[in-house]
């Protein structure tokens, strides 16, 4: 049974930074839903390299081609954020089998916290399966070229961040 809630998906993450893999996932998921909300988590415990406002801005720029995609920052429990925005589907990406155990745990916990919300897993296109934000950050921080892994604005923002911090 289709409900208005089921037409709104939430794709949460720290997006520190948003990568071409994240963009690929949104490109493929956006046509499936009336609205796709990309929830950029503040995640202070993870010690993000980029401030929340910049991560939100970079995600908005990277995903601007989609009229039904909204990017919002949040600093609450994911279950509360999903309920607040009226989401009915949690969208998660699985790059490799190694992601599955952690994602399965999260999906199970979210099923207890927000039983009315389903979790949907998508895999990235093959050329993005190895890209992770943490690898991108480390390569960029050490002066490596990450231009093939992230949107151009993200590459520039990372370089500026390392110059500022350096």
Foldseek 3Di string as FASTA:
>chain_A
DDDLQAQEEEEEDQCLPPKVQNLQQCVVCLVVHQAYEYEREQPVVVVRLDGSVVRQVQVCVSNVVRPRYHYDYDHDDPLVVSVVVSHQEYEYEDLDPVVPVVVVVVQVVSCVSPVSHHYDYDYGDPVQSVDDSVVLLVCVLVPHDCPVIHPPVVSVVSVVSSVVVD
